[in-house]
Structures are given as structure tokens and as C-alpha cells.
């Protein structure tokens, strides 16, 4: 698909603008609307090429369309850096790869201004259903983190905005991960972040000339976190609009709201030793993923080489705040959709109500995962009242090791089966799958509740991959370096 942008077309568009928008010839973005009529996502390149063959300049960007109606906007400022928009040029939209037989429906493909268009595509400052707690903040760079335009001013010419460096440090202390989605030259942007002491805070930064919605999707995949826990900050309405249209669960904020983050309920999370080290944990996890990807043999063989150790201990006062935080943050592996208050956790410090509370810590040869899980139950009856675990250790046989240890403990106490209550939530499907893979059988009580049961004795595949070090609630019954 290609079309020639001639003076008469620009004059027609300029005339429409002059009726009540900007001065003739001023545009904010080039917009593309469309949808793929097939089930798969189709990628395209958008290219601006001068008609004047003496010029070697061109502008190129990439975007994708899927079955959902999508709007993609490219800032005119980005195009004008290489293309003289006052002259004739060819605009080409071409599929990437084999396109025969694929059907695509295009709507608007033209320059727009945001005086009216932004009203229809720009999302409000916050979505109608914001994430319960923010886990990731994605920053734009130019005029958001710093004043200035990097490609014009250079790494040393841009100046970090007042209060932004302190905000990034404060978010990091709360365990809120951060990254970058910026339309810039990658190496130059990385150099600027390093020059201003910000690079180490940014995990999996996405710096390219592609759509920022695609950048957020790549960051979410890399971090293994849902987009509903993301907050995106950008100074440009069209960038906020493009991300808001593509990812409606993302909280989208203007750069003017950046210094209000800590006052928002989404960011009201406790500061714990684990939260202060969360960024480092994710950096270590990236090293684990790289090692797993390059390792030969099956996954269990690789896990054995990792020397995984699961440390179990009774809940202590020093861990209460972390357990509260974990209950607030854990979605996928939270079988009862638990959200404890601090008072709930404090009450479990006593075994007066007949229950035992266990904390789960994990480490391997790469580093320490920290406190990654919590369980509360009664071994004598075999009923586990609650269990939740960070997805950082998912599929590493940690759950198999823990429930093998727990099954042996419950059987020794006289129980004939282990049971646990299940409450369906929007994102805890993986928790139900985890228990069913372990061999628990679900007996539904209604559409959203049920009971999971596993007869004793029980054995779980791969439990011996992880070494258990456990200390029981009673000091006289301590178990140290116990392998299961």
C-alpha cells in the first residue's frame, strides 16, 4: 500500500485545520487505523520517502495490527527529523514477511492534530479499574524524565527534571520495578541514562522507534508481570492515547503527575528488606533465564544444577510486614485470593487458634529469592487454610518440595488427606492449575468456590530436586537441613 502526498492534499488538510484547529500546515502525528481480519497479528513497516530522487533521506517505523481495531500514531516531530514535509513524498505501508492471503482493513491513514482527535483516543488520567497495587512504572524520556530532546541536545545536554531522580529512588525502595519506553536512538539513550545515574534502575528498557504499546508488551513478557500492574508516564497525549487504546488495563499518566505517584493508593506498599532488593532479584532472575535457555538437557536436569534450597520457618514478627506485602501483591499463585490486613498477620503470630503459619524462603546458586511464600494450616486435620507464593519460583519444583514436606507432616500428625479452600479470582487460575498438577482434586461448591483435596500418603514429582531446610514452630522439634 502506497500513496503520494502532494501539495493539493496537504492544502486540503490544512484548510480543514484552519476551520478551528491549528494554523495551516501544523500537524501533531501521522495516524493509522486498522485491524487484521485474520486471527494472527500482522506487522507492517511505515516508510516516508522523498519523491526527489536526489535525496537519500527516509523515515521508517514498524507497527502491528491484530483482530482488535487499533490506532497507531507516529509523532510528526519524529518524521520531520529526516523528511522535509513541505516537499512531495511517498508514504508506503508494507507487511513484514509473507502476506499472501492475509486480509487487513484500514481506516484513517493521514496526518492529524490533537485539538479534536485527542478527545476520542486519549484515555483519562487513570483507568476506570486501576490495578490494586502498582508493580511497574514505565517512563518516557524526553520531557518526562528529563528536560530536552536527546537527539538534539545529547546525553550531557538533557537535564533530569527536579524531583524525578528522588522519585525513582523512592519507587525502587518500595520494590516497584521501573523501565523505559522511549522513541530514541538506543545507544544514545542508554548513555544518557547512565550519565545521569538512572540506568541501573531500569529493567529491560525498550528504546526504539516502534509503538510504545509494543514496548510495554515486551517489558511485561520479560518481567512475567501482568499489564494491569503497570503505570505508564509520558508527556505526549498521542503516546498516552496509543498505549491506552492498546492496553486498557494500564494506568496512563501525564508527566505532570509524575511527582504525585507516592500519594496514590496504587503506590501505598510497605518498605521491607525484600522490597528494597526486588530490582536486584529480577536482575538475578534474568541471569537464571539466560542460563536455562542455554542449558542442554531437560528442565529438571537444569533445576538440579541450580542447587535450590527451600527454607521453612514459623511466622515471626520480623517477617509479618513481608507476609502482609506478599498477600497484597500475589495474584497468580494465590489459591484463596487472600488479601491480609496487618492485623490478620499479627493474629497468626500466635498458635492459640490451632493453626500453624509457615514462611517459605528460597535460594539457588544464582542468588537469594527472599521470602517467596506463606502457608497457614493445621497438620492434625490436614486442612491448609491458606497458601500463596511468588511467581518468581513458579515451575521450579518448589511447590512440589513444600507439599511433600507438608504431606509427611500431616500424615505423621494423624491426618488422612490434605485439603485447601479455593476461591476463584480474576488472575489466580495458575494457582488452581498448580494444585491440580500436584494431584489435588477440586470439588466445586459454587461458581467461584470449591475445596481441593489430596489423599495421604502422597508423593509429588520432582520434590527431591529442591532441598528442604525446616524449623518447626516448637524449638524442641527443630528440623535442620532435612531433605525431602
Protein backbone atom coordinates (compact mmCIF):
# COMPACT_ATOMS: atom_id res chain seq x y z
CA UNK A 1 0.00 0.00 0.00
CA UNK A 2 1.48 3.36 -1.01
CA UNK A 3 0.19 6.83 -1.73
CA UNK A 4 1.70 10.13 -2.85
CA UNK A 5 1.31 13.15 -0.57
CA UNK A 6 1.12 16.13 -2.94
CA UNK A 7 0.66 19.81 -2.26
CA UNK A 8 -3.07 19.73 -3.08
CA UNK A 9 -3.64 17.01 -0.47
CA UNK A 10 -1.73 19.00 2.14
CA UNK A 11 -3.68 22.11 1.20
CA UNK A 12 -6.96 20.26 1.64
CA UNK A 13 -5.96 19.00 5.07
CA UNK A 14 -4.62 22.43 6.03
CA UNK A 15 -7.93 24.01 5.02
CA UNK A 16 -9.77 21.64 7.34
CA UNK A 17 -7.38 22.52 10.15
CA UNK A 18 -7.85 26.25 9.59
CA UNK A 19 -11.57 25.90 10.32
CA UNK A 20 -10.88 25.75 14.03
CA UNK A 21 -7.79 23.81 14.92
CA UNK A 22 -4.17 24.76 14.41
CA UNK A 23 -2.59 27.05 11.86
CA UNK A 24 -2.42 25.53 8.34
CA UNK A 25 0.40 23.08 7.86
CA UNK A 26 0.85 22.22 11.56
CA UNK A 27 0.30 18.56 12.48
CA UNK A 28 0.86 16.52 15.61
CA UNK A 29 1.01 12.95 14.31
CA UNK A 30 0.51 10.59 11.42
CA UNK A 31 -2.26 8.17 12.42
CA UNK A 32 -3.05 4.70 11.10
CA UNK A 33 -6.28 2.89 11.99
CA UNK A 34 -6.85 -0.73 11.15
CA UNK A 35 -7.46 -4.34 12.10
CA UNK A 36 -6.27 -7.72 10.83
CA UNK A 37 -9.23 -9.75 9.62
CA UNK A 38 -7.31 -12.95 10.24
CA UNK A 39 -6.64 -14.38 13.69
CA UNK A 40 -2.92 -13.64 13.66
CA UNK A 41 -1.07 -10.41 14.34
CA UNK A 42 0.42 -8.78 11.24
CA UNK A 43 3.43 -6.47 11.36
CA UNK A 44 3.96 -3.59 8.94
CA UNK A 45 6.58 -1.01 8.14
CA UNK A 46 5.57 2.61 7.57
CA UNK A 47 8.03 4.44 5.32
CA UNK A 48 8.22 8.08 4.20
CA UNK A 49 10.39 8.50 1.07
CA UNK A 50 11.06 11.85 -0.66
CA UNK A 51 9.93 11.95 -4.32
CA UNK A 52 13.08 13.93 -5.08
CA UNK A 53 15.47 11.16 -6.09
CA UNK A 54 18.42 13.36 -5.19
CA UNK A 55 17.56 12.92 -1.52
CA UNK A 56 18.64 9.74 0.28
CA UNK A 57 16.70 10.51 3.46
CA UNK A 58 13.82 8.34 4.62
CA UNK A 59 11.81 7.69 7.75
CA UNK A 60 10.71 4.20 8.77
CA UNK A 61 8.76 2.82 11.71
CA UNK A 62 7.12 -0.52 12.46
CA UNK A 63 3.66 -1.28 13.86
CA UNK A 64 1.36 -4.28 14.27
CA UNK A 65 -2.36 -4.90 13.78
CA UNK A 66 -4.43 -7.69 15.27
CA UNK A 67 -8.12 -8.58 15.36
CA UNK A 68 -8.91 -5.61 17.60
CA UNK A 69 -9.41 -2.21 16.00
CA UNK A 70 -6.15 -0.39 16.62
CA UNK A 71 -4.90 3.18 16.30
CA UNK A 72 -1.19 3.80 15.85
CA UNK A 73 0.22 7.32 15.96
CA UNK A 74 3.68 8.47 14.94
CA UNK A 75 4.74 11.94 16.11
CA UNK A 76 5.31 14.36 13.27
CA UNK A 77 8.42 15.59 15.07
CA UNK A 78 9.94 12.11 14.65
CA UNK A 79 9.19 12.06 10.91
CA UNK A 80 10.35 15.64 10.32
CA UNK A 81 13.82 14.90 11.68
CA UNK A 82 14.64 13.11 8.42
CA UNK A 83 11.89 14.10 5.94
CA UNK A 84 11.08 17.59 4.65
CA UNK A 85 7.29 17.52 4.92
CA UNK A 86 6.99 20.69 2.86
CA UNK A 87 8.04 18.69 -0.22
CA UNK A 88 6.36 15.80 -2.02
CA UNK A 89 6.99 12.38 -0.52
CA UNK A 90 5.76 8.82 -0.88
CA UNK A 91 4.10 7.10 2.09
CA UNK A 92 4.37 3.31 2.00
CA UNK A 93 2.72 0.77 4.31
CA UNK A 94 4.09 -2.68 3.67
CA UNK A 95 3.64 -6.01 5.52
CA UNK A 96 6.66 -7.63 7.11
CA UNK A 97 7.22 -11.11 5.71
CA UNK A 98 4.83 -13.26 3.71
CA UNK A 99 1.44 -11.56 3.34
CA UNK A 100 -0.33 -13.52 0.63
CA UNK A 101 -3.88 -14.41 1.66
CA UNK A 102 -3.94 -12.11 4.70
CA UNK A 103 -6.75 -9.57 4.91
CA UNK A 104 -6.43 -6.20 6.62
CA UNK A 105 -8.98 -3.43 6.99
CA UNK A 106 -7.53 0.10 7.13
CA UNK A 107 -9.39 3.19 8.28
CA UNK A 108 -7.77 6.59 8.64
CA UNK A 109 -4.19 6.88 7.33
CA UNK A 110 -3.41 10.57 7.48
CA UNK A 111 -1.94 13.43 9.47
CA UNK A 112 -3.95 14.59 12.47
CA UNK A 113 -3.91 17.28 15.11
CA UNK A 114 -4.92 16.57 18.67
CA UNK A 115 -7.20 19.54 19.34
CA UNK A 116 -10.18 17.33 18.48
CA UNK A 117 -8.75 13.90 17.79
CA UNK A 118 -7.26 13.54 21.26
CA UNK A 119 -10.72 13.75 22.76
CA UNK A 120 -11.66 10.46 21.14
CA UNK A 121 -8.46 8.49 21.62
CA UNK A 122 -6.68 9.83 24.68
CA UNK A 123 -7.60 7.92 27.84
CA UNK A 124 -8.36 9.64 31.11
CA UNK A 125 -5.52 10.12 33.57
CA UNK A 126 -6.43 6.87 35.29
CA UNK A 127 -8.36 3.82 34.04
CA UNK A 128 -11.79 3.04 35.43
CA UNK A 129 -10.46 -0.13 37.04
CA UNK A 130 -6.88 0.60 38.15
CA UNK A 131 -4.58 -2.11 39.41
CA UNK A 132 -4.87 -2.80 43.14
CA UNK A 133 -1.14 -2.15 43.54
CA UNK A 134 1.40 -0.83 41.08
CA UNK A 135 4.30 -3.18 40.39
CA UNK A 136 5.97 -1.49 37.41
CA UNK A 137 6.39 2.14 36.30
CA UNK A 138 7.30 2.71 32.66
CA UNK A 139 8.93 6.06 31.94
CA UNK A 140 9.21 8.06 28.75
CA UNK A 141 12.48 10.01 28.48
CA UNK A 142 12.32 13.34 26.57
CA UNK A 143 10.36 15.96 28.54
CA UNK A 144 9.30 13.28 31.06
CA UNK A 145 12.38 12.07 32.95
CA UNK A 146 14.46 14.95 31.64
CA UNK A 147 14.00 18.35 30.04
CA UNK A 148 15.28 18.47 26.49
CA UNK A 149 15.35 16.27 23.39
CA UNK A 150 18.10 13.70 23.41
CA UNK A 151 18.75 13.57 19.67
CA UNK A 152 19.19 17.34 19.64
CA UNK A 153 20.86 18.03 22.99
CA UNK A 154 22.90 14.85 23.51
CA UNK A 155 23.31 12.80 26.73
CA UNK A 156 25.00 15.63 28.61
CA UNK A 157 22.68 18.32 27.29
CA UNK A 158 19.46 16.94 28.74
CA UNK A 159 18.72 17.74 32.39
CA UNK A 160 16.80 15.46 34.75
CA UNK A 161 13.65 17.22 35.94
CA UNK A 162 13.56 18.36 39.58
CA UNK A 163 12.32 15.61 41.88
CA UNK A 164 12.40 12.82 39.28
CA UNK A 165 15.65 11.22 40.44
CA UNK A 166 14.34 11.20 44.01
CA UNK A 167 11.01 9.72 42.85
CA UNK A 168 12.79 6.91 41.00
CA UNK A 169 14.83 6.13 44.12
CA UNK A 170 11.71 6.16 46.31
CA UNK A 171 9.84 3.80 43.99
CA UNK A 172 12.82 1.47 43.94
CA UNK A 173 12.89 1.41 47.76
CA UNK A 174 9.24 0.32 47.76
CA UNK A 175 10.04 -2.58 45.45
CA UNK A 176 8.25 -1.05 42.47
CA UNK A 177 10.11 -2.02 39.32
CA UNK A 178 10.86 0.55 36.64
CA UNK A 179 11.65 0.58 32.96
CA UNK A 180 11.73 2.83 29.90
CA UNK A 181 9.63 3.00 26.74
CA UNK A 182 11.16 5.72 24.60
CA UNK A 183 11.36 6.63 20.93
CA UNK A 184 15.05 7.38 20.71
CA UNK A 185 18.34 6.00 19.47
CA UNK A 186 19.06 3.07 21.78
CA UNK A 187 22.76 3.52 22.46
CA UNK A 188 22.44 7.25 22.95
CA UNK A 189 19.53 6.86 25.39
CA UNK A 190 21.39 4.19 27.38
CA UNK A 191 24.41 6.51 27.57
CA UNK A 192 22.20 9.36 28.81
CA UNK A 193 20.58 7.19 31.49
CA UNK A 194 24.00 6.03 32.64
CA UNK A 195 25.36 9.59 32.63
CA UNK A 196 22.56 10.72 34.95
CA UNK A 197 22.83 7.68 37.26
CA UNK A 198 19.49 6.17 36.24
CA UNK A 199 20.36 3.19 34.06
CA UNK A 200 20.66 0.65 36.88
CA UNK A 201 17.08 1.37 37.97
CA UNK A 202 15.62 0.46 34.57
CA UNK A 203 14.90 -3.21 33.85
CA UNK A 204 14.54 -4.40 30.24
CA UNK A 205 14.37 -0.87 28.77
CA UNK A 206 12.70 -0.66 25.35
CA UNK A 207 14.25 2.12 23.28
CA UNK A 208 13.38 2.16 19.58
CA UNK A 209 11.17 3.98 17.09
CA UNK A 210 8.31 1.48 17.29
CA UNK A 211 4.92 1.81 19.04
CA UNK A 212 5.14 2.18 22.79
CA UNK A 213 2.28 -0.28 23.29
CA UNK A 214 4.54 -2.95 21.79
CA UNK A 215 7.35 -1.83 24.10
CA UNK A 216 5.13 -2.30 27.16
CA UNK A 217 4.10 -5.75 25.98
CA UNK A 218 7.75 -6.79 25.67
CA UNK A 219 8.56 -5.47 29.15
CA UNK A 220 5.58 -7.33 30.65
CA UNK A 221 6.70 -10.56 28.98
CA UNK A 222 10.28 -10.12 30.17
CA UNK A 223 9.26 -9.44 33.78
CA UNK A 224 6.44 -12.01 33.74
CA UNK A 225 4.01 -9.47 35.20
CA UNK A 226 0.50 -8.50 34.14
CA UNK A 227 -0.06 -5.19 32.41
CA UNK A 228 -2.80 -4.36 34.92
CA UNK A 229 0.02 -3.65 37.41
CA UNK A 230 1.76 -1.22 35.02
CA UNK A 231 1.79 2.58 35.18
CA UNK A 232 2.90 4.44 32.04
CA UNK A 233 4.10 8.07 32.20
CA UNK A 234 4.56 10.20 29.07
CA UNK A 235 4.37 13.89 28.22
CA UNK A 236 2.75 13.33 24.78
CA UNK A 237 -1.06 12.90 24.51
CA UNK A 238 -0.74 10.77 21.38
CA UNK A 239 1.65 8.33 23.09
CA UNK A 240 -0.65 8.07 26.10
CA UNK A 241 -3.56 7.55 23.71
CA UNK A 242 -1.78 4.82 21.75
CA UNK A 243 -0.85 2.89 24.91
CA UNK A 244 -4.26 3.41 26.48
CA UNK A 245 -6.04 2.09 23.39
CA UNK A 246 -3.83 -0.99 23.12
CA UNK A 247 -3.62 -1.83 26.85
CA UNK A 248 -6.74 -0.64 28.65
CA UNK A 249 -5.60 -2.16 31.97
CA UNK A 250 -2.51 0.06 32.13
CA UNK A 251 -2.74 3.19 34.26
CA UNK A 252 -1.72 6.07 31.98
CA UNK A 253 -0.45 9.34 33.47
CA UNK A 254 0.90 12.61 32.11
CA UNK A 255 4.40 13.75 33.01
CA UNK A 256 2.87 16.50 35.17
CA UNK A 257 1.58 13.76 37.52
CA UNK A 258 4.95 12.03 37.99
CA UNK A 259 5.67 13.62 41.35
CA UNK A 260 2.26 12.56 42.75
CA UNK A 261 2.92 8.82 42.48
CA UNK A 262 3.66 8.17 46.14
CA UNK A 263 0.40 9.87 47.13
CA UNK A 264 -1.69 7.46 45.06
CA UNK A 265 -3.29 4.36 46.66
CA UNK A 266 -1.71 2.14 43.99
CA UNK A 267 1.71 3.00 45.39
CA UNK A 268 0.84 2.52 49.05
CA UNK A 269 3.06 -0.51 49.58
CA UNK A 270 5.30 -1.25 52.56
CA UNK A 271 9.08 -0.88 52.52
CA UNK A 272 10.67 -4.18 53.54
CA UNK A 273 14.14 -5.70 53.07
CA UNK A 274 12.68 -7.75 50.19
CA UNK A 275 11.14 -4.70 48.52
CA UNK A 276 14.43 -2.81 48.67
CA UNK A 277 16.14 -5.71 46.92
CA UNK A 278 13.40 -6.55 44.42
CA UNK A 279 15.14 -4.94 41.45
CA UNK A 280 18.26 -6.99 42.17
CA UNK A 281 16.15 -10.14 42.40
CA UNK A 282 14.74 -9.53 38.94
CA UNK A 283 18.21 -8.87 37.57
CA UNK A 284 19.36 -12.20 39.01
CA UNK A 285 16.27 -13.86 37.54
CA UNK A 286 17.32 -12.60 34.12
CA UNK A 287 20.63 -14.44 34.60
CA UNK A 288 18.72 -17.59 35.58
CA UNK A 289 16.55 -17.34 32.47
CA UNK A 290 19.60 -16.92 30.26
CA UNK A 291 21.28 -19.96 31.84
CA UNK A 292 18.10 -22.04 31.45
CA UNK A 293 17.79 -21.05 27.81
CA UNK A 294 21.36 -22.08 27.02
CA UNK A 295 21.40 -25.25 29.15
CA UNK A 296 21.38 -28.62 27.44
CA UNK A 297 19.05 -31.41 28.59
CA UNK A 298 15.62 -31.30 30.22
CA UNK A 299 14.36 -28.68 32.67
CA UNK A 300 14.57 -30.93 35.74
CA UNK A 301 18.24 -31.60 34.97
CA UNK A 302 18.89 -27.88 34.80
CA UNK A 303 16.99 -27.28 38.08
CA UNK A 304 19.11 -29.90 39.83
CA UNK A 305 22.20 -27.99 38.73
CA UNK A 306 20.78 -24.84 40.36
CA UNK A 307 21.09 -26.24 43.93
CA UNK A 308 17.67 -24.97 45.00
CA UNK A 309 17.10 -24.72 48.76
CA UNK A 310 13.71 -24.05 50.35
CA UNK A 311 13.87 -22.77 53.93
CA UNK A 312 10.71 -23.20 56.03
CA UNK A 313 10.17 -21.47 59.36
CA UNK A 314 7.30 -20.41 61.62
CA UNK A 315 5.99 -16.89 61.04
CA UNK A 316 7.92 -14.36 63.12
CA UNK A 317 7.26 -10.73 63.95
CA UNK A 318 10.18 -9.71 61.76
CA UNK A 319 8.50 -11.33 58.74
CA UNK A 320 4.97 -10.06 59.39
CA UNK A 321 5.28 -6.98 57.19
CA UNK A 322 6.67 -9.02 54.28
CA UNK A 323 3.83 -11.57 54.55
CA UNK A 324 1.32 -8.70 54.53
CA UNK A 325 3.04 -7.26 51.44
CA UNK A 326 3.12 -10.65 49.70
CA UNK A 327 -0.60 -11.17 50.29
CA UNK A 328 -1.31 -7.77 48.74
CA UNK A 329 0.91 -8.33 45.70
CA UNK A 330 0.37 -12.01 44.87
CA UNK A 331 -2.30 -12.67 42.26
CA UNK A 332 -1.48 -15.69 40.11
CA UNK A 333 -0.43 -18.17 42.82
CA UNK A 334 -2.93 -17.13 45.49
CA UNK A 335 -5.31 -20.06 45.84
CA UNK A 336 -7.81 -18.32 48.15
CA UNK A 337 -7.41 -14.82 46.63
CA UNK A 338 -6.21 -13.68 50.06
CA UNK A 339 -5.64 -10.03 50.95
CA UNK A 340 -4.50 -9.92 54.57
CA UNK A 341 -4.56 -6.81 56.71
CA UNK A 342 -1.63 -6.20 59.00
CA UNK A 343 -3.88 -7.18 61.91
CA UNK A 344 -4.66 -10.52 60.24
CA UNK A 345 -0.96 -11.31 60.02
CA UNK A 346 -0.29 -10.27 63.60
CA UNK A 347 -3.07 -12.59 64.80
CA UNK A 348 -1.32 -15.55 63.16
CA UNK A 349 1.82 -14.97 65.22
CA UNK A 350 0.03 -16.90 67.97
CA UNK A 351 -0.94 -20.56 67.61
CA UNK A 352 -3.81 -20.10 70.11
CA UNK A 353 -6.38 -20.72 67.35
CA UNK A 354 -4.87 -24.09 66.47
CA UNK A 355 -3.16 -23.10 63.26
CA UNK A 356 0.47 -23.00 62.24
CA UNK A 357 1.89 -20.31 59.97
CA UNK A 358 4.92 -21.10 57.79
CA UNK A 359 7.09 -18.79 55.75
CA UNK A 360 8.90 -20.03 52.64
CA UNK A 361 12.29 -18.70 51.56
CA UNK A 362 14.20 -19.87 48.52
CA UNK A 363 17.75 -19.56 47.19
CA UNK A 364 19.89 -21.17 44.49
CA UNK A 365 23.41 -20.89 43.12
CA UNK A 366 22.50 -17.65 41.35
CA UNK A 367 21.29 -15.82 44.45
CA UNK A 368 18.56 -15.42 47.05
CA UNK A 369 14.87 -15.16 46.08
CA UNK A 370 13.97 -13.95 49.58
CA UNK A 371 10.68 -14.72 51.34
CA UNK A 372 8.56 -16.05 48.46
CA UNK A 373 5.63 -17.86 50.07
CA UNK A 374 3.31 -18.34 53.02
CA UNK A 375 1.06 -21.13 54.24
CA UNK A 376 -1.30 -21.42 57.18
CA UNK A 377 -2.89 -24.66 58.31
CA UNK A 378 -3.42 -27.39 60.87
CA UNK A 379 -1.34 -30.57 60.33
CA UNK A 380 -3.57 -32.59 62.68
CA UNK A 381 -6.63 -32.12 60.44
CA UNK A 382 -4.67 -31.78 57.21
CA UNK A 383 -6.57 -28.61 56.34
CA UNK A 384 -4.47 -25.83 54.81
CA UNK A 385 -6.34 -22.60 55.33
CA UNK A 386 -4.17 -20.55 53.01
CA UNK A 387 -1.28 -20.73 50.57
CA UNK A 388 0.24 -18.12 48.30
CA UNK A 389 3.60 -17.93 46.57
CA UNK A 390 5.51 -15.54 44.34
CA UNK A 391 5.53 -16.44 40.65
CA UNK A 392 9.32 -15.94 40.70
CA UNK A 393 9.71 -19.60 41.72
CA UNK A 394 6.87 -20.98 39.64
CA UNK A 395 7.72 -24.19 37.73
CA UNK A 396 10.90 -24.70 39.71
CA UNK A 397 9.52 -27.65 41.74
CA UNK A 398 9.39 -25.51 44.88
CA UNK A 399 5.68 -26.22 45.36
CA UNK A 400 6.31 -29.97 44.97
CA UNK A 401 9.02 -29.88 47.64
CA UNK A 402 6.89 -27.88 50.06
CA UNK A 403 3.77 -30.03 49.76
CA UNK A 404 5.82 -33.23 50.01
CA UNK A 405 7.21 -31.91 53.30
CA UNK A 406 3.74 -30.83 54.42
CA UNK A 407 2.12 -34.13 53.42
CA UNK A 408 4.63 -36.06 55.53
CA UNK A 409 3.99 -33.71 58.45
CA UNK A 410 0.20 -34.01 58.19
CA UNK A 411 0.33 -37.80 57.89
CA UNK A 412 2.60 -38.02 60.95
CA UNK A 413 0.05 -35.91 62.87
CA UNK A 414 -2.74 -38.39 62.01
CA UNK A 415 -4.43 -36.74 59.00
CA UNK A 416 -5.71 -38.90 56.14
CA UNK A 417 -5.83 -36.19 53.50
CA UNK A 418 -4.73 -32.63 52.81
CA UNK A 419 -7.42 -30.11 51.93
CA UNK A 420 -7.42 -26.45 51.00
CA UNK A 421 -10.18 -23.97 50.17
CA UNK A 422 -10.26 -22.41 46.70
CA UNK A 423 -11.75 -19.04 45.75
CA UNK A 424 -11.76 -18.07 42.09
CA UNK A 425 -10.36 -14.63 41.24
CA UNK A 426 -9.60 -12.77 38.04
CA UNK A 427 -5.98 -13.90 37.85
CA UNK A 428 -5.46 -16.91 40.13
CA UNK A 429 -6.11 -19.58 37.50
CA UNK A 430 -2.42 -20.61 37.67
CA UNK A 431 -2.86 -21.42 41.39
CA UNK A 432 -5.68 -23.85 40.65
CA UNK A 433 -3.62 -25.38 37.85
CA UNK A 434 -0.66 -25.75 40.25
CA UNK A 435 -2.71 -27.73 42.78
CA UNK A 436 -4.35 -29.88 40.13
CA UNK A 437 -0.93 -30.69 38.64
CA UNK A 438 0.17 -31.76 42.12
CA UNK A 439 -2.73 -34.22 42.23
CA UNK A 440 -5.35 -32.29 44.21
CA UNK A 441 -8.95 -32.84 43.13
CA UNK A 442 -11.37 -29.89 43.05
CA UNK A 443 -14.91 -30.28 44.39
CA UNK A 444 -16.78 -27.06 43.47
CA UNK A 445 -19.30 -25.64 45.93
CA UNK A 446 -20.48 -22.91 43.55
CA UNK A 447 -19.19 -20.99 40.52
CA UNK A 448 -16.38 -19.29 42.43
CA UNK A 449 -15.60 -21.54 45.41
CA UNK A 450 -14.53 -25.11 46.00
CA UNK A 451 -12.42 -27.50 48.02
CA UNK A 452 -9.19 -29.12 46.88
CA UNK A 453 -8.22 -32.50 48.38
CA UNK A 454 -5.29 -34.91 48.14
CA UNK A 455 -5.26 -38.30 49.93
CA UNK A 456 -2.34 -39.22 52.17
CA UNK A 457 0.26 -40.57 51.86
CA UNK A 458 1.18 -38.51 48.81
CA UNK A 459 4.20 -38.10 46.57
CA UNK A 460 4.87 -35.25 44.15
CA UNK A 461 7.00 -35.45 41.02
CA UNK A 462 10.29 -33.59 41.29
CA UNK A 463 10.04 -32.90 45.03
CA UNK A 464 13.58 -34.16 45.57
CA UNK A 465 15.03 -31.53 43.22
CA UNK A 466 14.69 -28.92 45.98
CA UNK A 467 16.42 -29.41 49.31
CA UNK A 468 14.33 -28.52 52.38
CA UNK A 469 15.71 -26.83 55.48
CA UNK A 470 12.90 -26.56 58.02
CA UNK A 471 12.43 -25.38 61.58
CA UNK A 472 9.13 -26.31 63.21
CA UNK A 473 7.16 -23.99 65.48
CA UNK A 474 8.38 -25.72 68.64
CA UNK A 475 12.14 -25.23 69.15
CA UNK A 476 12.40 -28.69 70.69
CA UNK A 477 11.16 -30.18 67.42
CA UNK A 478 13.63 -28.36 65.18
CA UNK A 479 14.46 -29.94 61.85
CA UNK A 480 17.55 -28.56 60.17
CA UNK A 481 18.89 -29.47 56.73
CA UNK A 482 16.09 -32.02 56.34
CA UNK A 483 15.88 -33.31 52.78
CA UNK A 484 12.51 -34.33 51.36
